[in-house]
Amino acid sequence: ERKLNPMPRFVKEALEANKLVEDFKNRPAYQQNDYIGWINRAKRETTKHKRLNQMLDELRKGGVYMNMTHPSSAKK
């Protein structure tokens, strides 16, 4: 069983500012949790923001999860 990672305020604000909340919510729960855990595990703020930007780009594009093809999230 996976530990549930709480969403930090800066991630929530970035999703809202980029109008990607629904895209995030449409991803499977494990992906939502993995993205947040991956961002939070970064030690440096610059790395956190780099990871955050990767997540935002992947949500914007669709069809990608952690730099891997993910057909079920492709934009229609």
N, C-alpha and C. Protein backbone atom coordinates (compact mmCIF):
# COMPACT_ATOMS: atom_id res chain seq x y z
N GLU A 1 0.84 -1.19 0.00
CA GLU A 1 0.00 0.00 0.00
C GLU A 1 0.88 1.24 0.00
N ARG A 2 0.51 2.21 -0.81
CA ARG A 2 1.30 3.44 -0.94
C ARG A 2 0.88 4.48 0.09
N LYS A 3 1.87 5.24 0.52
CA LYS A 3 1.61 6.36 1.43
C LYS A 3 0.97 7.48 0.62
N LEU A 4 -0.08 8.10 1.13
CA LEU A 4 -0.74 9.19 0.46
C LEU A 4 0.01 10.49 0.73
N ASN A 5 0.44 11.16 -0.32
CA ASN A 5 1.20 12.40 -0.19
C ASN A 5 0.26 13.60 -0.22
N PRO A 6 0.31 14.46 0.78
CA PRO A 6 -0.54 15.66 0.77
C PRO A 6 -0.02 16.66 -0.27
N MET A 7 -0.95 17.36 -0.92
CA MET A 7 -0.57 18.32 -1.94
C MET A 7 -0.10 19.63 -1.29
N PRO A 8 1.13 20.06 -1.58
CA PRO A 8 1.62 21.33 -1.05
C PRO A 8 0.88 22.51 -1.71
N ARG A 9 0.81 23.59 -0.99
CA ARG A 9 0.11 24.79 -1.47
C ARG A 9 0.66 25.26 -2.82
N PHE A 10 2.00 25.25 -2.99
CA PHE A 10 2.58 25.78 -4.23
C PHE A 10 2.19 24.93 -5.45
N VAL A 11 1.97 23.64 -5.24
CA VAL A 11 1.54 22.77 -6.34
C VAL A 11 0.09 23.09 -6.69
N LYS A 12 -0.74 23.21 -5.68
CA LYS A 12 -2.16 23.54 -5.89
C LYS A 12 -2.29 24.87 -6.61
N GLU A 13 -1.52 25.86 -6.17
CA GLU A 13 -1.58 27.18 -6.79
C GLU A 13 -1.11 27.13 -8.24
N ALA A 14 -0.09 26.34 -8.52
CA ALA A 14 0.42 26.21 -9.90
C ALA A 14 -0.62 25.54 -10.79
N LEU A 15 -1.29 24.51 -10.29
CA LEU A 15 -2.33 23.85 -11.06
C LEU A 15 -3.47 24.82 -11.37
N GLU A 16 -3.86 25.61 -10.37
CA GLU A 16 -4.94 26.58 -10.57
C GLU A 16 -4.52 27.67 -11.55
N ALA A 17 -3.32 28.22 -11.38
CA ALA A 17 -2.84 29.31 -12.23
C ALA A 17 -2.72 28.87 -13.70
N ASN A 18 -2.41 27.60 -13.91
CA ASN A 18 -2.25 27.07 -15.27
C ASN A 18 -3.51 26.39 -15.80
N LYS A 19 -4.59 26.49 -15.02
CA LYS A 19 -5.88 25.88 -15.40
C LYS A 19 -5.74 24.39 -15.73
N LEU A 20 -5.00 23.70 -14.86
CA LEU A 20 -4.75 22.28 -15.07
C LEU A 20 -5.32 21.40 -13.94
N VAL A 21 -6.16 21.98 -13.11
CA VAL A 21 -6.73 21.22 -11.98
C VAL A 21 -7.50 20.01 -12.49
N GLU A 22 -8.35 20.21 -13.50
CA GLU A 22 -9.15 19.10 -14.02
C GLU A 22 -8.27 18.05 -14.68
N ASP A 23 -7.24 18.49 -15.40
CA ASP A 23 -6.32 17.53 -16.02
C ASP A 23 -5.64 16.68 -14.95
N PHE A 24 -5.27 17.31 -13.84
CA PHE A 24 -4.65 16.59 -12.73
C PHE A 24 -5.65 15.61 -12.12
N LYS A 25 -6.86 16.07 -11.88
CA LYS A 25 -7.89 15.22 -11.26
C LYS A 25 -8.30 14.05 -12.17
N ASN A 26 -8.14 14.23 -13.48
CA ASN A 26 -8.50 13.16 -14.42
C ASN A 26 -7.45 12.06 -14.49
N ARG A 27 -6.28 12.31 -13.93
CA ARG A 27 -5.25 11.27 -13.88
C ARG A 27 -5.61 10.26 -12.80
N PRO A 28 -5.15 9.01 -12.94
CA PRO A 28 -5.41 8.01 -11.89
C PRO A 28 -4.81 8.47 -10.56
N ALA A 29 -5.41 8.02 -9.47
CA ALA A 29 -4.97 8.42 -8.13
C ALA A 29 -3.49 8.12 -7.91
N TYR A 30 -3.00 6.99 -8.43
CA TYR A 30 -1.58 6.66 -8.22
C TYR A 30 -0.68 7.69 -8.89
N GLN A 31 -1.09 8.20 -10.06
CA GLN A 31 -0.27 9.21 -10.73
C GLN A 31 -0.29 10.52 -9.97
N GLN A 32 -1.44 10.92 -9.50
CA GLN A 32 -1.53 12.15 -8.70
C GLN A 32 -0.59 12.04 -7.51
N ASN A 33 -0.68 10.92 -6.81
CA ASN A 33 0.14 10.70 -5.62
C ASN A 33 1.63 10.63 -5.96
N ASP A 34 1.96 9.95 -7.05
CA ASP A 34 3.36 9.83 -7.47
C ASP A 34 3.95 11.19 -7.83
N TYR A 35 3.20 11.99 -8.58
CA TYR A 35 3.69 13.32 -8.94
C TYR A 35 4.00 14.15 -7.69
N ILE A 36 3.07 14.16 -6.76
CA ILE A 36 3.26 14.98 -5.55
C ILE A 36 4.43 14.46 -4.71
N GLY A 37 4.53 13.15 -4.54
CA GLY A 37 5.64 12.58 -3.79
C GLY A 37 6.97 12.87 -4.46
N TRP A 38 7.02 12.77 -5.78
CA TRP A 38 8.24 13.02 -6.55
C TRP A 38 8.68 14.47 -6.40
N ILE A 39 7.73 15.39 -6.48
CA ILE A 39 8.05 16.81 -6.30
C ILE A 39 8.54 17.06 -4.88
N ASN A 40 7.85 16.53 -3.90
CA ASN A 40 8.19 16.76 -2.49
C ASN A 40 9.52 16.16 -2.06
N ARG A 41 9.94 15.08 -2.71
CA ARG A 41 11.20 14.42 -2.31
C ARG A 41 12.44 15.22 -2.72
N ALA A 42 12.28 16.18 -3.61
CA ALA A 42 13.43 16.98 -4.03
C ALA A 42 13.95 17.79 -2.84
N LYS A 43 15.25 17.83 -2.70
CA LYS A 43 15.87 18.57 -1.59
C LYS A 43 15.93 20.07 -1.88
N ARG A 44 16.29 20.41 -3.10
CA ARG A 44 16.45 21.82 -3.47
C ARG A 44 15.16 22.39 -4.04
N GLU A 45 14.93 23.66 -3.76
CA GLU A 45 13.76 24.35 -4.31
C GLU A 45 13.80 24.37 -5.84
N THR A 46 15.00 24.55 -6.39
CA THR A 46 15.11 24.58 -7.86
C THR A 46 14.68 23.25 -8.47
N THR A 47 15.02 22.16 -7.81
CA THR A 47 14.63 20.84 -8.30
C THR A 47 13.12 20.65 -8.15
N LYS A 48 12.55 21.12 -7.04
CA LYS A 48 11.10 21.03 -6.85
C LYS A 48 10.37 21.75 -7.98
N HIS A 49 10.87 22.93 -8.32
CA HIS A 49 10.21 23.70 -9.37
C HIS A 49 10.43 23.10 -10.75
N LYS A 50 11.58 22.50 -10.97
CA LYS A 50 11.83 21.81 -12.24
C LYS A 50 10.86 20.63 -12.39
N ARG A 51 10.68 19.88 -11.32
CA ARG A 51 9.76 18.74 -11.34
C ARG A 51 8.31 19.21 -11.50
N LEU A 52 7.97 20.28 -10.80
CA LEU A 52 6.63 20.85 -10.92
C LEU A 52 6.36 21.24 -12.37
N ASN A 53 7.32 21.91 -12.99
CA ASN A 53 7.15 22.34 -14.38
C ASN A 53 7.03 21.15 -15.33
N GLN A 54 7.76 20.07 -15.04
CA GLN A 54 7.62 18.87 -15.87
C GLN A 54 6.20 18.32 -15.74
N MET A 55 5.68 18.24 -14.52
CA MET A 55 4.33 17.74 -14.31
C MET A 55 3.33 18.62 -15.06
N LEU A 56 3.46 19.94 -14.94
CA LEU A 56 2.54 20.85 -15.62
C LEU A 56 2.60 20.66 -17.13
N ASP A 57 3.79 20.52 -17.68
CA ASP A 57 3.95 20.29 -19.12
C ASP A 57 3.28 18.99 -19.54
N GLU A 58 3.47 17.95 -18.75
CA GLU A 58 2.87 16.64 -19.08
C GLU A 58 1.35 16.70 -19.01
N LEU A 59 0.82 17.42 -18.03
CA LEU A 59 -0.63 17.56 -17.93
C LEU A 59 -1.17 18.37 -19.11
N ARG A 60 -0.44 19.41 -19.48
CA ARG A 60 -0.85 20.27 -20.59
C ARG A 60 -0.88 19.49 -21.91
N LYS A 61 0.15 18.68 -22.14
CA LYS A 61 0.26 17.91 -23.38
C LYS A 61 -0.69 16.73 -23.39
N GLY A 62 -0.78 16.03 -22.27
CA GLY A 62 -1.55 14.79 -22.22
C GLY A 62 -0.76 13.68 -22.89
N GLY A 63 -1.10 12.45 -22.57
CA GLY A 63 -0.45 11.30 -23.19
C GLY A 63 0.95 11.01 -22.69
N VAL A 64 1.37 11.71 -21.62
CA VAL A 64 2.71 11.52 -21.07
C VAL A 64 2.60 11.44 -19.55
N TYR A 65 3.37 10.54 -18.96
CA TYR A 65 3.45 10.42 -17.50
C TYR A 65 4.89 10.09 -17.15
N MET A 66 5.55 10.97 -16.43
CA MET A 66 6.94 10.79 -16.01
C MET A 66 7.85 10.48 -17.20
N ASN A 67 7.69 11.27 -18.25
CA ASN A 67 8.48 11.12 -19.49
C ASN A 67 8.22 9.82 -20.24
N MET A 68 7.13 9.14 -19.92
CA MET A 68 6.77 7.90 -20.62
C MET A 68 5.43 8.10 -21.32
N THR A 69 5.26 7.44 -22.44
CA THR A 69 3.99 7.51 -23.16
C THR A 69 2.90 6.92 -22.26
N HIS A 70 1.77 7.63 -22.19
CA HIS A 70 0.63 7.18 -21.40
C HIS A 70 -0.64 7.44 -22.22
N PRO A 71 -0.97 6.52 -23.14
CA PRO A 71 -2.08 6.74 -24.09
C PRO A 71 -3.42 7.09 -23.46
N SER A 72 -3.75 6.53 -22.32
CA SER A 72 -5.07 6.78 -21.75
C SER A 72 -5.24 8.22 -21.26
N SER A 73 -4.16 8.98 -21.14
CA SER A 73 -4.29 10.38 -20.72
C SER A 73 -4.13 11.34 -21.91
N ALA A 74 -4.07 10.78 -23.13
CA ALA A 74 -3.91 11.61 -24.32
C ALA A 74 -5.10 12.54 -24.49
N LYS A 75 -4.83 13.75 -24.94
CA LYS A 75 -5.90 14.72 -25.19
C LYS A 75 -6.69 14.29 -26.43
N LYS A 76 -8.00 14.42 -26.32
CA LYS A 76 -8.87 14.03 -27.44
C LYS A 76 -8.95 15.16 -28.43
